[in-house]
Protein backbone atom coordinates (compact mmCIF):
# COMPACT_ATOMS: atom_id res chain seq x y z
CA MET A 1 11.86 7.25 14.97
CA GLN A 2 8.74 5.29 14.14
CA LYS A 3 9.30 1.65 13.03
CA ALA A 4 7.25 0.16 10.22
CA ILE A 5 6.58 -2.90 8.11
CA LEU A 6 5.85 -2.00 4.51
CA VAL A 7 3.34 -4.13 2.58
CA VAL A 8 3.57 -3.78 -1.21
CA GLY A 9 2.28 -5.61 -4.24
CA PRO A 10 0.34 -5.12 -7.43
CA PRO A 11 -3.30 -4.01 -7.27
CA GLY A 12 -5.49 -6.92 -6.13
CA SER A 13 -2.63 -8.82 -4.48
CA GLY A 14 -4.29 -8.60 -1.06
CA LYS A 15 -2.09 -5.92 0.54
CA GLY A 16 -4.92 -4.38 2.53
CA THR A 17 -6.31 -7.71 3.72
CA GLN A 18 -2.90 -8.99 4.84
CA ALA A 19 -1.89 -5.65 6.40
CA LYS A 20 -5.06 -5.67 8.53
CA LEU A 21 -4.37 -9.28 9.60
CA ILE A 22 -0.78 -8.40 10.57
CA ALA A 23 -1.92 -5.41 12.61
CA LYS A 24 -4.61 -7.40 14.39
CA LYS A 25 -2.46 -10.46 15.17
CA PHE A 26 0.63 -8.55 16.36
CA GLY A 27 -0.99 -5.43 17.87
CA TYR A 28 0.46 -3.05 15.28
CA LYS A 29 -1.16 0.03 13.73
CA HIS A 30 -2.54 -0.49 10.20
CA VAL A 31 -2.03 2.59 8.03
CA SER A 32 -3.61 2.61 4.58
CA THR A 33 -2.94 5.79 2.67
CA GLY A 34 -5.68 4.79 0.23
CA ASP A 35 -8.21 4.55 3.08
CA ILE A 36 -7.02 7.86 4.53
CA LEU A 37 -7.38 9.58 1.16
CA ARG A 38 -10.80 8.05 0.41
CA LYS A 39 -12.09 9.52 3.71
CA LEU A 40 -11.22 13.06 2.65
CA ASN A 41 -14.10 15.44 2.03
CA LYS A 42 -14.70 15.14 -1.72
CA ASN A 43 -15.92 18.74 -1.86
CA SER A 44 -12.89 20.30 -0.15
CA THR A 45 -10.10 21.79 -2.25
CA LEU A 46 -7.75 19.02 -1.13
CA GLY A 47 -10.41 16.35 -1.70
CA LYS A 48 -11.13 17.53 -5.24
CA LYS A 49 -7.43 17.47 -6.10
CA VAL A 50 -6.88 14.01 -4.58
CA PHE A 51 -9.98 12.36 -6.08
CA ALA A 52 -9.27 13.75 -9.56
CA LEU A 53 -6.00 11.77 -9.45
CA ILE A 54 -6.90 8.55 -7.62
CA ASN A 55 -10.14 7.98 -9.54
CA LYS A 56 -7.98 7.67 -12.66
CA GLY A 57 -5.54 5.28 -10.95
CA ASN A 58 -2.81 7.88 -10.46
CA PHE A 59 -0.79 8.67 -7.36
CA ILE A 60 -1.03 11.99 -5.59
CA PRO A 61 2.14 14.12 -5.44
CA PRO A 62 4.74 12.51 -3.13
CA LYS A 63 5.06 15.45 -0.72
CA LEU A 64 1.28 15.65 -0.30
CA ALA A 65 1.01 11.89 0.37
CA VAL A 66 3.80 12.10 2.95
CA GLN A 67 2.25 15.15 4.64
CA ILE A 68 -1.22 13.57 4.91
CA THR A 69 0.14 10.22 6.14
CA LEU A 70 2.60 11.66 8.68
CA ASN A 71 -0.16 13.88 10.06
CA TYR A 72 -2.38 10.79 10.46
CA ILE A 73 0.26 8.77 12.37
CA LYS A 74 1.95 11.55 14.37
CA SER A 75 0.76 10.43 17.84
CA ASN A 76 1.08 6.68 17.24
CA LYS A 77 3.60 4.69 19.32
CA LYS A 78 2.99 1.21 17.87
CA ILE A 79 4.86 -0.41 15.00
CA LEU A 80 3.15 0.64 11.80
CA VAL A 81 1.95 -1.65 9.04
CA LEU A 82 2.16 0.60 5.99
CA ASP A 83 -0.31 -0.45 3.32
CA GLY A 84 0.34 1.38 0.07
CA PHE A 85 2.79 3.91 1.48
CA PRO A 86 5.41 4.81 0.49
CA ARG A 87 4.37 4.16 -3.11
CA ASN A 88 7.57 5.25 -4.77
CA ILE A 89 11.22 6.06 -4.11
CA THR A 90 10.51 9.79 -3.78
CA GLN A 91 8.08 9.13 -0.92
CA ALA A 92 10.53 6.65 0.65
CA LYS A 93 13.25 9.32 0.68
CA LEU A 94 10.85 11.89 2.16
CA ILE A 95 10.04 9.65 5.15
CA LYS A 96 13.50 8.17 5.81
CA ASN A 97 14.19 10.48 8.78
CA LYS A 98 10.75 9.91 10.30
CA ILE A 99 9.89 6.25 9.67
CA GLU A 100 12.32 3.32 9.76
CA VAL A 101 11.13 0.53 7.46
CA ILE A 102 12.27 -2.65 9.21
CA LYS A 103 10.66 -5.19 6.83
CA VAL A 104 9.09 -5.14 3.41
CA ILE A 105 6.53 -7.79 2.55
CA ALA A 106 6.28 -7.82 -1.24
CA PHE A 107 3.41 -9.76 -2.75
CA THR A 108 3.98 -11.32 -6.14
CA GLY A 109 1.93 -13.35 -8.59
CA ARG A 110 0.26 -13.28 -11.97
CA ASN A 111 -1.45 -10.04 -12.90
CA SER A 112 -4.32 -12.03 -14.43
CA VAL A 113 -5.17 -13.47 -10.99
CA PHE A 114 -5.06 -10.02 -9.36
CA LYS A 115 -7.12 -8.40 -12.13
CA GLU A 116 -9.79 -11.06 -11.69
CA ARG A 117 -9.91 -10.32 -7.94
CA LEU A 118 -10.28 -6.61 -8.58
CA MET A 119 -13.15 -7.11 -11.03
CA LYS A 120 -14.91 -9.35 -8.47
CA ARG A 121 -14.21 -7.04 -5.53
CA GLY A 122 -17.42 -5.15 -6.13
CA GLN A 123 -16.64 -2.27 -3.78
CA GLY A 124 -17.91 0.17 -6.34
CA ARG A 125 -14.66 2.10 -6.18
CA ALA A 126 -14.17 4.53 -9.03
CA ASP A 127 -10.70 3.07 -9.57
CA ASP A 128 -11.99 -0.47 -10.19
CA THR A 129 -12.87 -0.11 -13.89
CA LYS A 130 -10.96 -2.24 -16.41
CA GLU A 131 -9.13 0.75 -17.92
CA VAL A 132 -8.15 2.19 -14.54
CA ILE A 133 -7.08 -1.23 -13.24
CA ASN A 134 -4.75 -1.70 -16.24
CA HIS A 135 -3.32 1.76 -15.63
CA ARG A 136 -2.79 0.97 -11.93
CA PHE A 137 -0.72 -2.10 -12.89
CA GLU A 138 1.49 0.06 -15.09
CA VAL A 139 1.88 2.65 -12.33
CA TYR A 140 2.79 -0.12 -9.85
CA LYS A 141 5.43 -1.49 -12.24
CA THR A 142 7.08 1.88 -12.86
CA GLU A 143 6.58 3.61 -9.49
CA THR A 144 6.25 1.06 -6.67
CA LYS A 145 8.18 -2.04 -7.78
CA PRO A 146 11.52 -0.13 -7.73
CA LEU A 147 11.05 0.22 -3.94
CA LEU A 148 12.10 -3.43 -3.56
CA LYS A 149 15.59 -2.64 -4.83
CA HIS A 150 15.64 0.63 -2.85
CA TYR A 151 15.05 -1.19 0.47
CA GLY A 152 17.39 -4.07 -0.34
CA ALA A 153 17.23 -7.85 -0.23
CA GLN A 154 18.05 -8.07 3.48
CA ILE A 155 14.64 -6.69 4.54
CA VAL A 156 12.49 -7.53 1.48
CA HIS A 157 10.47 -10.75 1.70
CA LYS A 158 8.75 -11.77 -1.55
CA LEU A 159 5.64 -13.90 -1.05
CA ASN A 160 3.27 -15.50 -3.55
CA ALA A 161 -0.10 -13.76 -3.19
CA GLU A 162 -2.12 -16.15 -5.35
CA PRO A 163 -3.24 -18.72 -2.73
CA SER A 164 -6.03 -18.26 -0.17
CA ILE A 165 -5.98 -15.47 2.41
CA LYS A 166 -5.16 -17.98 5.17
CA ALA A 167 -2.36 -19.64 3.20
CA ILE A 168 -0.79 -16.28 2.41
CA PHE A 169 -1.03 -15.17 6.03
CA ARG A 170 0.75 -18.35 7.21
CA GLU A 171 3.68 -17.28 4.99
CA VAL A 172 3.45 -13.69 6.25
CA GLU A 173 3.65 -14.89 9.88
CA LYS A 174 6.91 -16.70 9.12
CA VAL A 175 8.62 -13.44 8.11
CA ILE A 176 7.18 -11.21 10.84
């Protein structure tokens, strides 16, 4: 069974940045479902279905997310750093016999700080409009935040994601 560290947090909390730093420093494999999905052919049937959802800040159906992600990691032997996957309890249950989540790094902080980061990000992503960002925070609260209870206090490490990237990573290193 594949071992993994799950990185979760509200939009703009720095999940992707910290997940990449963890993978680089410790020699793990960074897996971002968002990145995988954004690389899909936008004109394919699958691409059209996926982009219609994510461009509005919604999640894709759990089974589809699991299928795409497991296909992407199937030949990997390193510990995974899961960035944005699983996104909800349904996905977590679908992967439990394939991926063992050994740690959960949960970023916390004020939504106002994270919203400001997202507005400054300037990546030109379709899901970085004010309306979509607000929706993504609601989806995080209802879909992803319950994962913390699902995985349990013994492996969940809550870290403040408001300081600088370096300061946050120093705290991340302590729990890895």
